PDB file of all heavy atoms in Angstrom:
ATOM      1  N   PHE A   1       0.810  -1.211   0.000  1.00  0.00           N
ATOM      2  CA  PHE A   1       0.000   0.000   0.000  1.00  0.00           C
ATOM      3  C   PHE A   1       0.846   1.265   0.000  1.00  0.00           C
ATOM      4  O   PHE A   1       0.403   2.306   0.472  1.00  0.00           O
ATOM      5  CB  PHE A   1      -0.973  -0.014   1.183  1.00  0.00           C
ATOM      6  CG  PHE A   1      -2.033  -1.062   1.037  1.00  0.00           C
ATOM      7  CD1 PHE A   1      -1.914  -2.288   1.645  1.00  0.00           C
ATOM      8  CD2 PHE A   1      -3.138  -0.816   0.253  1.00  0.00           C
ATOM      9  CE1 PHE A   1      -2.878  -3.266   1.493  1.00  0.00           C
ATOM     10  CE2 PHE A   1      -4.116  -1.782   0.083  1.00  0.00           C
ATOM     11  CZ  PHE A   1      -3.985  -3.008   0.704  1.00  0.00           C
ATOM     12  N   ASP A   2       2.056   1.203  -0.529  1.00  0.00           N
ATOM     13  CA  ASP A   2       2.845   2.415  -0.718  1.00  0.00           C
ATOM     14  C   ASP A   2       2.053   3.347  -1.618  1.00  0.00           C
ATOM     15  O   ASP A   2       1.484   2.924  -2.623  1.00  0.00           O
ATOM     16  CB  ASP A   2       4.191   2.093  -1.359  1.00  0.00           C
ATOM     17  CG  ASP A   2       5.115   1.338  -0.420  1.00  0.00           C
ATOM     18  OD1 ASP A   2       4.731   1.126   0.741  1.00  0.00           O
ATOM     19  OD2 ASP A   2       6.216   0.973  -0.864  1.00  0.00           O
ATOM     20  N   ASN A   3       2.001   4.620  -1.262  1.00  0.00           N
ATOM     21  CA  ASN A   3       1.130   5.526  -2.010  1.00  0.00           C
ATOM     22  C   ASN A   3       1.632   6.950  -1.996  1.00  0.00           C
ATOM     23  O   ASN A   3       2.489   7.311  -1.188  1.00  0.00           O
ATOM     24  CB  ASN A   3      -0.286   5.479  -1.423  1.00  0.00           C
ATOM     25  CG  ASN A   3      -0.350   6.071  -0.035  1.00  0.00           C
ATOM     26  OD1 ASN A   3      -0.357   7.273   0.130  1.00  0.00           O
ATOM     27  ND2 ASN A   3      -0.375   5.220   0.980  1.00  0.00           N
ATOM     28  N   TYR A   4       1.066   7.734  -2.904  1.00  0.00           N
ATOM     29  CA  TYR A   4       1.217   9.183  -2.839  1.00  0.00           C
ATOM     30  C   TYR A   4      -0.166   9.792  -3.022  1.00  0.00           C
ATOM     31  O   TYR A   4      -1.048   9.203  -3.636  1.00  0.00           O
ATOM     32  CB  TYR A   4       2.219   9.713  -3.867  1.00  0.00           C
ATOM     33  CG  TYR A   4       1.787   9.575  -5.294  1.00  0.00           C
ATOM     34  CD1 TYR A   4       1.010  10.554  -5.908  1.00  0.00           C
ATOM     35  CD2 TYR A   4       2.161   8.471  -6.053  1.00  0.00           C
ATOM     36  CE1 TYR A   4       0.612  10.433  -7.221  1.00  0.00           C
ATOM     37  CE2 TYR A   4       1.766   8.342  -7.367  1.00  0.00           C
ATOM     38  CZ  TYR A   4       0.997   9.331  -7.943  1.00  0.00           C
ATOM     39  OH  TYR A   4       0.600   9.200  -9.240  1.00  0.00           O
ATOM     40  N   THR A   5      -0.347  10.953  -2.443  1.00  0.00           N
ATOM     41  CA  THR A   5      -1.634  11.649  -2.494  1.00  0.00           C
ATOM     42  C   THR A   5      -1.406  13.091  -2.881  1.00  0.00           C
ATOM     43  O   THR A   5      -0.515  13.756  -2.349  1.00  0.00           O
ATOM     44  CB  THR A   5      -2.336  11.600  -1.117  1.00  0.00           C
ATOM     45  OG1 THR A   5      -2.550  10.245  -0.756  1.00  0.00           O
ATOM     46  CG2 THR A   5      -3.662  12.332  -1.147  1.00  0.00           C
ATOM     47  N   ILE A   6      -2.224  13.573  -3.797  1.00  0.00           N
ATOM     48  CA  ILE A   6      -2.256  14.991  -4.159  1.00  0.00           C
ATOM     49  C   ILE A   6      -3.606  15.510  -3.702  1.00  0.00           C
ATOM     50  O   ILE A   6      -4.627  14.890  -3.961  1.00  0.00           O
ATOM     51  CB  ILE A   6      -2.095  15.176  -5.678  1.00  0.00           C
ATOM     52  CG1 ILE A   6      -0.762  14.592  -6.129  1.00  0.00           C
ATOM     53  CG2 ILE A   6      -2.218  16.645  -6.055  1.00  0.00           C
ATOM     54  CD1 ILE A   6      -0.616  14.495  -7.623  1.00  0.00           C
ATOM     55  N   ARG A   7      -3.607  16.646  -2.984  1.00  0.00           N
ATOM     56  CA  ARG A   7      -4.871  17.146  -2.452  1.00  0.00           C
ATOM     57  C   ARG A   7      -4.959  18.657  -2.527  1.00  0.00           C
ATOM     58  O   ARG A   7      -3.949  19.358  -2.535  1.00  0.00           O
ATOM     59  CB  ARG A   7      -5.064  16.677  -1.014  1.00  0.00           C
ATOM     60  CG  ARG A   7      -3.984  17.046  -0.088  1.00  0.00           C
ATOM     61  CD  ARG A   7      -4.091  16.317   1.248  1.00  0.00           C
ATOM     62  NE  ARG A   7      -2.807  16.334   1.905  1.00  0.00           N
ATOM     63  CZ  ARG A   7      -2.306  17.377   2.531  1.00  0.00           C
ATOM     64  NH1 ARG A   7      -3.003  18.481   2.623  1.00  0.00           N
ATOM     65  NH2 ARG A   7      -1.121  17.325   3.067  1.00  0.00           N
ATOM     66  N   GLY A   8      -6.192  19.133  -2.617  1.00  0.00           N
ATOM     67  CA  GLY A   8      -6.478  20.557  -2.593  1.00  0.00           C
ATOM     68  C   GLY A   8      -7.645  20.799  -1.653  1.00  0.00           C
ATOM     69  O   GLY A   8      -8.574  19.990  -1.582  1.00  0.00           O
ATOM     70  N   GLU A   9      -7.603  21.924  -0.924  1.00  0.00           N
ATOM     71  CA  GLU A   9      -8.647  22.182   0.065  1.00  0.00           C
ATOM     72  C   GLU A   9      -8.866  23.688   0.203  1.00  0.00           C
ATOM     73  O   GLU A   9      -7.927  24.462   0.192  1.00  0.00           O
ATOM     74  CB  GLU A   9      -8.207  21.603   1.410  1.00  0.00           C
ATOM     75  CG  GLU A   9      -9.157  21.865   2.543  1.00  0.00           C
ATOM     76  CD  GLU A   9      -8.639  21.312   3.855  1.00  0.00           C
ATOM     77  OE1 GLU A   9      -7.827  22.005   4.499  1.00  0.00           O
ATOM     78  OE2 GLU A   9      -9.047  20.197   4.206  1.00  0.00           O
ATOM     79  N   LEU A  10     -10.128  24.062   0.327  1.00  0.00           N
ATOM     80  CA  LEU A  10     -10.504  25.430   0.681  1.00  0.00           C
ATOM     81  C   LEU A  10     -11.019  25.411   2.112  1.00  0.00           C
ATOM     82  O   LEU A  10     -11.847  24.574   2.462  1.00  0.00           O
ATOM     83  CB  LEU A  10     -11.616  25.953  -0.229  1.00  0.00           C
ATOM     84  CG  LEU A  10     -11.186  26.583  -1.532  1.00  0.00           C
ATOM     85  CD1 LEU A  10     -12.413  26.954  -2.356  1.00  0.00           C
ATOM     86  CD2 LEU A  10     -10.332  27.813  -1.305  1.00  0.00           C
ATOM     87  N   MET A  11     -10.509  26.330   2.939  1.00  0.00           N
ATOM     88  CA  MET A  11     -10.951  26.398   4.326  1.00  0.00           C
ATOM     89  C   MET A  11     -11.376  27.830   4.650  1.00  0.00           C
ATOM     90  O   MET A  11     -10.635  28.778   4.415  1.00  0.00           O
ATOM     91  CB  MET A  11      -9.848  25.993   5.292  1.00  0.00           C
ATOM     92  CG  MET A  11     -10.290  26.101   6.744  1.00  0.00           C
ATOM     93  SD  MET A  11      -9.024  25.661   7.954  1.00  0.00           S
ATOM     94  CE  MET A  11      -7.933  27.054   7.848  1.00  0.00           C
ATOM     95  N   TYR A  12     -12.586  27.952   5.162  1.00  0.00           N
ATOM     96  CA  TYR A  12     -13.086  29.237   5.659  1.00  0.00           C
ATOM     97  C   TYR A  12     -13.198  29.118   7.157  1.00  0.00           C
ATOM     98  O   TYR A  12     -13.878  28.219   7.662  1.00  0.00           O
ATOM     99  CB  TYR A  12     -14.447  29.568   5.033  1.00  0.00           C
ATOM    100  CG  TYR A  12     -14.969  30.921   5.457  1.00  0.00           C
ATOM    101  CD1 TYR A  12     -14.357  32.080   5.004  1.00  0.00           C
ATOM    102  CD2 TYR A  12     -16.058  31.026   6.304  1.00  0.00           C
ATOM    103  CE1 TYR A  12     -14.821  33.324   5.387  1.00  0.00           C
ATOM    104  CE2 TYR A  12     -16.535  32.262   6.692  1.00  0.00           C
ATOM    105  CZ  TYR A  12     -15.903  33.414   6.229  1.00  0.00           C
ATOM    106  OH  TYR A  12     -16.368  34.644   6.619  1.00  0.00           O
ATOM    107  N   ARG A  13     -12.514  29.994   7.879  1.00  0.00           N
ATOM    108  CA  ARG A  13     -12.470  29.877   9.335  1.00  0.00           C
ATOM    109  C   ARG A  13     -12.869  31.182   9.991  1.00  0.00           C
ATOM    110  O   ARG A  13     -12.324  32.238   9.674  1.00  0.00           O
ATOM    111  CB  ARG A  13     -11.074  29.496   9.781  1.00  0.00           C
ATOM    112  CG  ARG A  13     -10.978  29.343  11.264  1.00  0.00           C
ATOM    113  CD  ARG A  13      -9.640  28.826  11.692  1.00  0.00           C
ATOM    114  NE  ARG A  13      -9.776  28.350  13.058  1.00  0.00           N
ATOM    115  CZ  ARG A  13      -8.924  27.607  13.664  1.00  0.00           C
ATOM    116  NH1 ARG A  13      -7.858  27.197  13.021  1.00  0.00           N
ATOM    117  NH2 ARG A  13      -9.117  27.240  14.897  1.00  0.00           N
ATOM    118  N   LYS A  14     -13.824  31.066  10.890  1.00  0.00           N
ATOM    119  CA  LYS A  14     -14.211  32.175  11.758  1.00  0.00           C
ATOM    120  C   LYS A  14     -13.822  31.755  13.173  1.00  0.00           C
ATOM    121  O   LYS A  14     -14.500  30.917  13.771  1.00  0.00           O
ATOM    122  CB  LYS A  14     -15.707  32.460  11.679  1.00  0.00           C
ATOM    123  CG  LYS A  14     -16.127  33.138  10.399  1.00  0.00           C
ATOM    124  CD  LYS A  14     -15.324  34.359  10.130  1.00  0.00           C
ATOM    125  CE  LYS A  14     -16.115  35.630  10.159  1.00  0.00           C
ATOM    126  NZ  LYS A  14     -15.294  36.801   9.864  1.00  0.00           N
ATOM    127  N   PRO A  15     -12.722  32.296  13.718  1.00  0.00           N
ATOM    128  CA  PRO A  15     -12.242  31.870  15.038  1.00  0.00           C
ATOM    129  C   PRO A  15     -13.334  31.970  16.101  1.00  0.00           C
ATOM    130  O   PRO A  15     -14.051  32.952  16.198  1.00  0.00           O
ATOM    131  CB  PRO A  15     -11.093  32.836  15.335  1.00  0.00           C
ATOM    132  CG  PRO A  15     -10.618  33.262  13.977  1.00  0.00           C
ATOM    133  CD  PRO A  15     -11.856  33.315  13.127  1.00  0.00           C
ATOM    134  N   GLY A  16     -13.454  30.910  16.884  1.00  0.00           N
ATOM    135  CA  GLY A  16     -14.447  30.843  17.941  1.00  0.00           C
ATOM    136  C   GLY A  16     -15.816  30.394  17.478  1.00  0.00           C
ATOM    137  O   GLY A  16     -16.689  30.103  18.283  1.00  0.00           O
ATOM    138  N   LEU A  17     -16.023  30.333  16.163  1.00  0.00           N
ATOM    139  CA  LEU A  17     -17.335  29.953  15.645  1.00  0.00           C
ATOM    140  C   LEU A  17     -17.279  28.608  14.903  1.00  0.00           C
ATOM    141  O   LEU A  17     -17.878  27.640  15.348  1.00  0.00           O
ATOM    142  CB  LEU A  17     -17.883  31.040  14.715  1.00  0.00           C
ATOM    143  CG  LEU A  17     -19.248  30.799  14.105  1.00  0.00           C
ATOM    144  CD1 LEU A  17     -20.306  30.669  15.193  1.00  0.00           C
ATOM    145  CD2 LEU A  17     -19.599  31.917  13.154  1.00  0.00           C
ATOM    146  N   ALA A  18     -16.558  28.569  13.791  1.00  0.00           N
ATOM    147  CA  ALA A  18     -16.560  27.332  13.006  1.00  0.00           C
ATOM    148  C   ALA A  18     -15.448  27.323  11.961  1.00  0.00           C
ATOM    149  O   ALA A  18     -14.900  28.358  11.593  1.00  0.00           O
ATOM    150  CB  ALA A  18     -17.901  27.152  12.316  1.00  0.00           C
ATOM    151  N   ASP A  19     -15.157  26.101  11.494  1.00  0.00           N
ATOM    152  CA  ASP A  19     -14.296  25.836  10.332  1.00  0.00           C
ATOM    153  C   ASP A  19     -15.152  25.144   9.288  1.00  0.00           C
ATOM    154  O   ASP A  19     -15.861  24.196   9.606  1.00  0.00           O
ATOM    155  CB  ASP A  19     -13.176  24.857  10.693  1.00  0.00           C
ATOM    156  CG  ASP A  19     -11.970  25.516  11.284  1.00  0.00           C
ATOM    157  OD1 ASP A  19     -11.947  26.741  11.385  1.00  0.00           O
ATOM    158  OD2 ASP A  19     -11.042  24.771  11.655  1.00  0.00           O
ATOM    159  N   TRP A  20     -15.076  25.601   8.068  1.00  0.00           N
ATOM    160  CA  TRP A  20     -15.726  24.921   6.947  1.00  0.00           C
ATOM    161  C   TRP A  20     -14.622  24.541   5.977  1.00  0.00           C
ATOM    162  O   TRP A  20     -13.844  25.391   5.548  1.00  0.00           O
ATOM    163  CB  TRP A  20     -16.733  25.819   6.249  1.00  0.00           C
ATOM    164  CG  TRP A  20     -17.918  26.165   7.079  1.00  0.00           C
ATOM    165  CD1 TRP A  20     -19.050  25.428   7.218  1.00  0.00           C
ATOM    166  CD2 TRP A  20     -18.098  27.329   7.880  1.00  0.00           C
ATOM    167  NE1 TRP A  20     -19.927  26.071   8.059  1.00  0.00           N
ATOM    168  CE2 TRP A  20     -19.371  27.243   8.477  1.00  0.00           C
ATOM    169  CE3 TRP A  20     -17.313  28.453   8.165  1.00  0.00           C
ATOM    170  CZ2 TRP A  20     -19.862  28.209   9.334  1.00  0.00           C
ATOM    171  CZ3 TRP A  20     -17.797  29.409   9.018  1.00  0.00           C
ATOM    172  CH2 TRP A  20     -19.064  29.288   9.593  1.00  0.00           C
ATOM    173  N   ARG A  21     -14.564  23.273   5.606  1.00  0.00           N
ATOM    174  CA  ARG A  21     -13.537  22.796   4.679  1.00  0.00           C
ATOM    175  C   ARG A  21     -14.185  22.001   3.551  1.00  0.00           C
ATOM    176  O   ARG A  21     -15.044  21.165   3.795  1.00  0.00           O
ATOM    177  CB  ARG A  21     -12.536  21.901   5.398  1.00  0.00           C
ATOM    178  CG  ARG A  21     -11.762  22.598   6.462  1.00  0.00           C
ATOM    179  CD  ARG A  21     -10.882  21.610   7.203  1.00  0.00           C
ATOM    180  NE  ARG A  21     -10.241  22.251   8.322  1.00  0.00           N
ATOM    181  CZ  ARG A  21      -8.938  22.252   8.523  1.00  0.00           C
ATOM    182  NH1 ARG A  21      -8.147  21.618   7.701  1.00  0.00           N
ATOM    183  NH2 ARG A  21      -8.436  22.861   9.564  1.00  0.00           N
ATOM    184  N   PHE A  22     -13.698  22.260   2.353  1.00  0.00           N
ATOM    185  CA  PHE A  22     -14.111  21.508   1.175  1.00  0.00           C
ATOM    186  C   PHE A  22     -12.840  21.122   0.443  1.00  0.00           C
ATOM    187  O   PHE A  22     -11.978  21.970   0.186  1.00  0.00           O
ATOM    188  CB  PHE A  22     -15.015  22.353   0.277  1.00  0.00           C
ATOM    189  CG  PHE A  22     -15.343  21.669  -1.018  1.00  0.00           C
ATOM    190  CD1 PHE A  22     -16.276  20.645  -1.047  1.00  0.00           C
ATOM    191  CD2 PHE A  22     -14.711  22.032  -2.187  1.00  0.00           C
ATOM    192  CE1 PHE A  22     -16.575  19.996  -2.233  1.00  0.00           C
ATOM    193  CE2 PHE A  22     -15.003  21.393  -3.386  1.00  0.00           C
ATOM    194  CZ  PHE A  22     -15.942  20.385  -3.401  1.00  0.00           C
ATOM    195  N   GLY A  23     -12.708  19.831   0.113  1.00  0.00           N
ATOM    196  CA  GLY A  23     -11.481  19.415  -0.529  1.00  0.00           C
ATOM    197  C   GLY A  23     -11.648  18.218  -1.430  1.00  0.00           C
ATOM    198  O   GLY A  23     -12.674  17.529  -1.421  1.00  0.00           O
ATOM    199  N   ILE A  24     -10.622  18.008  -2.231  1.00  0.00           N
ATOM    200  CA  ILE A  24     -10.529  16.829  -3.084  1.00  0.00           C
ATOM    201  C   ILE A  24      -9.145  16.231  -2.901  1.00  0.00           C
ATOM    202  O   ILE A  24      -8.189  16.940  -2.581  1.00  0.00           O
ATOM    203  CB  ILE A  24     -10.779  17.144  -4.573  1.00  0.00           C
ATOM    204  CG1 ILE A  24      -9.787  18.193  -5.076  1.00  0.00           C
ATOM    205  CG2 ILE A  24     -12.199  17.603  -4.809  1.00  0.00           C
ATOM    206  CD1 ILE A  24      -9.819  18.409  -6.561  1.00  0.00           C
ATOM    207  N   ARG A  25      -9.054  14.924  -3.079  1.00  0.00           N
ATOM    208  CA  ARG A  25      -7.740  14.282  -3.032  1.00  0.00           C
ATOM    209  C   ARG A  25      -7.715  13.083  -3.973  1.00  0.00           C
ATOM    210  O   ARG A  25      -8.730  12.437  -4.197  1.00  0.00           O
ATOM    211  CB  ARG A  25      -7.335  13.906  -1.617  1.00  0.00           C
ATOM    212  CG  ARG A  25      -8.194  12.895  -0.944  1.00  0.00           C
ATOM    213  CD  ARG A  25      -7.656  12.549   0.426  1.00  0.00           C
ATOM    214  NE  ARG A  25      -7.920  13.637   1.339  1.00  0.00           N
ATOM    215  CZ  ARG A  25      -7.753  13.567   2.640  1.00  0.00           C
ATOM    216  NH1 ARG A  25      -7.315  12.477   3.180  1.00  0.00           N
ATOM    217  NH2 ARG A  25      -8.019  14.578   3.402  1.00  0.00           N
ATOM    218  N   HIS A  26      -6.553  12.844  -4.499  1.00  0.00           N
ATOM    219  CA  HIS A  26      -6.314  11.703  -5.390  1.00  0.00           C
ATOM    220  C   HIS A  26      -5.165  10.899  -4.792  1.00  0.00           C
ATOM    221  O   HIS A  26      -4.074  11.419  -4.592  1.00  0.00           O
ATOM    222  CB  HIS A  26      -5.959  12.174  -6.796  1.00  0.00           C
ATOM    223  CG  HIS A  26      -5.556  11.052  -7.694  1.00  0.00           C
ATOM    224  ND1 HIS A  26      -6.482  10.215  -8.285  1.00  0.00           N
ATOM    225  CD2 HIS A  26      -4.334  10.607  -8.076  1.00  0.00           C
ATOM    226  CE1 HIS A  26      -5.837   9.318  -9.004  1.00  0.00           C
ATOM    227  NE2 HIS A  26      -4.539   9.530  -8.894  1.00  0.00           N
ATOM    228  N   THR A  27      -5.417   9.616  -4.500  1.00  0.00           N
ATOM    229  CA  THR A  27      -4.395   8.737  -3.939  1.00  0.00           C
ATOM    230  C   THR A  27      -4.095   7.632  -4.938  1.00  0.00           C
ATOM    231  O   THR A  27      -4.997   6.998  -5.457  1.00  0.00           O
ATOM    232  CB  THR A  27      -4.875   8.113  -2.604  1.00  0.00           C
ATOM    233  OG1 THR A  27      -5.171   9.171  -1.696  1.00  0.00           O
ATOM    234  CG2 THR A  27      -3.814   7.215  -2.013  1.00  0.00           C
ATOM    235  N   GLU A  28      -2.831   7.428  -5.185  1.00  0.00           N
ATOM    236  CA  GLU A  28      -2.354   6.412  -6.124  1.00  0.00           C
ATOM    237  C   GLU A  28      -1.529   5.380  -5.352  1.00  0.00           C
ATOM    238  O   GLU A  28      -0.533   5.722  -4.723  1.00  0.00           O
ATOM    239  CB  GLU A  28      -1.487   7.077  -7.189  1.00  0.00           C
ATOM    240  CG  GLU A  28      -0.998   6.183  -8.271  1.00  0.00           C
ATOM    241  CD  GLU A  28      -2.035   5.989  -9.366  1.00  0.00           C
ATOM    242  OE1 GLU A  28      -2.844   6.883  -9.616  1.00  0.00           O
ATOM    243  OE2 GLU A  28      -2.006   4.907  -9.966  1.00  0.00           O
ATOM    244  N   TYR A  29      -1.987   4.128  -5.359  1.00  0.00           N
ATOM    245  CA  TYR A  29      -1.241   3.021  -4.752  1.00  0.00           C
ATOM    246  C   TYR A  29      -0.424   2.382  -5.861  1.00  0.00           C
ATOM    247  O   TYR A  29      -0.949   1.629  -6.672  1.00  0.00           O
ATOM    248  CB  TYR A  29      -2.204   2.002  -4.138  1.00  0.00           C
ATOM    249  CG  TYR A  29      -3.036   2.578  -3.020  1.00  0.00           C
ATOM    250  CD1 TYR A  29      -4.325   3.028  -3.264  1.00  0.00           C
ATOM    251  CD2 TYR A  29      -2.519   2.685  -1.740  1.00  0.00           C
ATOM    252  CE1 TYR A  29      -5.083   3.575  -2.239  1.00  0.00           C
ATOM    253  CE2 TYR A  29      -3.270   3.226  -0.716  1.00  0.00           C
ATOM    254  CZ  TYR A  29      -4.550   3.666  -0.966  1.00  0.00           C
ATOM    255  OH  TYR A  29      -5.297   4.207   0.038  1.00  0.00           O
ATOM    256  N   PHE A  30       0.863   2.680  -5.912  1.00  0.00           N
ATOM    257  CA  PHE A  30       1.623   2.303  -7.095  1.00  0.00           C
ATOM    258  C   PHE A  30       2.093   0.862  -7.104  1.00  0.00           C
ATOM    259  O   PHE A  30       2.402   0.335  -8.168  1.00  0.00           O
ATOM    260  CB  PHE A  30       2.797   3.254  -7.348  1.00  0.00           C
ATOM    261  CG  PHE A  30       3.613   3.623  -6.160  1.00  0.00           C
ATOM    262  CD1 PHE A  30       4.653   2.843  -5.749  1.00  0.00           C
ATOM    263  CD2 PHE A  30       3.330   4.790  -5.473  1.00  0.00           C
ATOM    264  CE1 PHE A  30       5.418   3.200  -4.671  1.00  0.00           C
ATOM    265  CE2 PHE A  30       4.092   5.160  -4.388  1.00  0.00           C
ATOM    266  CZ  PHE A  30       5.139   4.370  -3.984  1.00  0.00           C
ATOM    267  N   ASN A  31       2.132   0.152  -5.991  1.00  0.00           N
ATOM    268  CA  ASN A  31       2.553  -1.249  -6.019  1.00  0.00           C
ATOM    269  C   ASN A  31       1.415  -2.211  -6.344  1.00  0.00           C
ATOM    270  O   ASN A  31       1.661  -3.355  -6.709  1.00  0.00           O
ATOM    271  CB  ASN A  31       3.194  -1.650  -4.691  1.00  0.00           C
ATOM    272  CG  ASN A  31       4.568  -1.056  -4.532  1.00  0.00           C
ATOM    273  OD1 ASN A  31       5.228  -0.745  -5.506  1.00  0.00           O
ATOM    274  ND2 ASN A  31       4.998  -0.876  -3.307  1.00  0.00           N
ATOM    275  N   ILE A  32       0.173  -1.780  -6.180  1.00  0.00           N
ATOM    276  CA  ILE A  32      -0.958  -2.653  -6.515  1.00  0.00           C
ATOM    277  C   ILE A  32      -1.771  -2.078  -7.677  1.00  0.00           C
ATOM    278  O   ILE A  32      -2.845  -2.565  -7.978  1.00  0.00           O
ATOM    279  CB  ILE A  32      -1.869  -2.904  -5.296  1.00  0.00           C
ATOM    280  CG1 ILE A  32      -2.410  -1.595  -4.733  1.00  0.00           C
ATOM    281  CG2 ILE A  32      -1.152  -3.712  -4.248  1.00  0.00           C
ATOM    282  CD1 ILE A  32      -3.437  -1.776  -3.639  1.00  0.00           C
ATOM    283  N   ASP A  33      -1.248  -1.019  -8.303  1.00  0.00           N
ATOM    284  CA  ASP A  33      -1.866  -0.418  -9.484  1.00  0.00           C
ATOM    285  C   ASP A  33      -3.345  -0.095  -9.230  1.00  0.00           C
ATOM    286  O   ASP A  33      -4.237  -0.577  -9.931  1.00  0.00           O
ATOM    287  CB  ASP A  33      -1.709  -1.336 -10.694  1.00  0.00           C
ATOM    288  CG  ASP A  33      -2.059  -0.620 -11.988  1.00  0.00           C
ATOM    289  OD1 ASP A  33      -1.898   0.608 -12.035  1.00  0.00           O
ATOM    290  OD2 ASP A  33      -2.495  -1.288 -12.937  1.00  0.00           O
ATOM    291  N   ASP A  34      -3.590   0.732  -8.208  1.00  0.00           N
ATOM    292  CA  ASP A  34      -4.955   1.138  -7.870  1.00  0.00           C
ATOM    293  C   ASP A  34      -4.938   2.601  -7.467  1.00  0.00           C
ATOM    294  O   ASP A  34      -3.891   3.160  -7.129  1.00  0.00           O
ATOM    295  CB  ASP A  34      -5.494   0.277  -6.732  1.00  0.00           C
ATOM    296  CG  ASP A  34      -7.010   0.292  -6.658  1.00  0.00           C
ATOM    297  OD1 ASP A  34      -7.637   0.915  -7.530  1.00  0.00           O
ATOM    298  OD2 ASP A  34      -7.558  -0.321  -5.735  1.00  0.00           O
ATOM    299  N   GLU A  35      -6.085   3.219  -7.505  1.00  0.00           N
ATOM    300  CA  GLU A  35      -6.200   4.637  -7.147  1.00  0.00           C
ATOM    301  C   GLU A  35      -7.575   4.906  -6.569  1.00  0.00           C
ATOM    302  O   GLU A  35      -8.514   4.133  -6.767  1.00  0.00           O
ATOM    303  CB  GLU A  35      -5.960   5.517  -8.358  1.00  0.00           C
ATOM    304  CG  GLU A  35      -6.952   5.298  -9.472  1.00  0.00           C
ATOM    305  CD  GLU A  35      -6.588   6.074 -10.718  1.00  0.00           C
ATOM    306  OE1 GLU A  35      -5.427   5.986 -11.163  1.00  0.00           O
ATOM    307  OE2 GLU A  35      -7.475   6.770 -11.222  1.00  0.00           O
ATOM    308  N   ILE A  36      -7.679   6.020  -5.844  1.00  0.00           N
ATOM    309  CA  ILE A  36      -8.966   6.430  -5.290  1.00  0.00           C
ATOM    310  C   ILE A  36      -9.035   7.953  -5.297  1.00  0.00           C
ATOM    311  O   ILE A  36      -8.048   8.635  -5.021  1.00  0.00           O
ATOM    312  CB  ILE A  36      -9.165   5.869  -3.857  1.00  0.00           C
ATOM    313  CG1 ILE A  36     -10.549   6.195  -3.356  1.00  0.00           C
ATOM    314  CG2 ILE A  36      -8.121   6.390  -2.898  1.00  0.00           C
ATOM    315  CD1 ILE A  36     -10.924   5.466  -2.087  1.00  0.00           C
TER     316      ILE A  36
END
Protein backbone atom coordinates (compact mmCIF):
# COMPACT_ATOMS: atom_id res chain seq x y z
CA PHE A 1 0.00 0.00 0.00
CA ASP A 2 2.85 2.41 -0.72
CA ASN A 3 1.13 5.53 -2.01
CA TYR A 4 1.22 9.18 -2.84
CA THR A 5 -1.63 11.65 -2.49
CA ILE A 6 -2.26 14.99 -4.16
CA ARG A 7 -4.87 17.15 -2.45
CA GLY A 8 -6.48 20.56 -2.59
CA GLU A 9 -8.65 22.18 0.07
CA LEU A 10 -10.50 25.43 0.68
CA MET A 11 -10.95 26.40 4.33
CA TYR A 12 -13.09 29.24 5.66
CA ARG A 13 -12.47 29.88 9.34
CA LYS A 14 -14.21 32.18 11.76
CA PRO A 15 -12.24 31.87 15.04
CA GLY A 16 -14.45 30.84 17.94
CA LEU A 17 -17.33 29.95 15.64
CA ALA A 18 -16.56 27.33 13.01
CA ASP A 19 -14.30 25.84 10.33
CA TRP A 20 -15.73 24.92 6.95
CA ARG A 21 -13.54 22.80 4.68
CA PHE A 22 -14.11 21.51 1.17
CA GLY A 23 -11.48 19.42 -0.53
CA ILE A 24 -10.53 16.83 -3.08
CA ARG A 25 -7.74 14.28 -3.03
CA HIS A 26 -6.31 11.70 -5.39
CA THR A 27 -4.40 8.74 -3.94
CA GLU A 28 -2.35 6.41 -6.12
CA TYR A 29 -1.24 3.02 -4.75
CA PHE A 30 1.62 2.30 -7.10
CA ASN A 31 2.55 -1.25 -6.02
CA ILE A 32 -0.96 -2.65 -6.51
CA ASP A 33 -1.87 -0.42 -9.48
CA ASP A 34 -4.96 1.14 -7.87
CA GLU A 35 -6.20 4.64 -7.15
CA ILE A 36 -8.97 6.43 -5.29
